[in-house]
Every structure is written in C-alpha cells, then in structure tokens.
Amino acid sequence: MRLVLRIAAALAAFGAGVGVAELLGAADLGVAFGVGEIAFALAVAALIVLDRRPDAR
C-alpha cells in the first residue's frame, strides 16, 4: 500500500475512534481524543504487521 494511503487509513481510524466515542457519550472531547489515539495506534500497528511488500521482510 502506498504511503499516502497508509497515512490516510491511520488518520481515518483516529477520526472514526473520536466519532464513535462521541456518539457513545464520551465525558468530554479529551476522552474522545484518547479513544481516537488508541484507534490510531492500533491502525498503525496493523499496517506495520500486515505489510505485504516483497522487500518488507
């Protein structure tokens, strides 16, 4: 996957995490951003682990 798509996927995960936290009634925006940060970290970890480029090994 190209770098731009990876960055977009990680940022989308952050946005989705924040959005879901807000919809589920997060106490404030700081809590929602914390959930978004966790989603971002999980997405980045998944992108690293699931990297399928031939030269990635």
Foldseek 3Di string as FASTA:
>chain_A
DDPVVLVVQLVVQLVVQLVVCVVVPPVDSVVSNVSSVVSSVVSNVCCLVPPDDPPSD
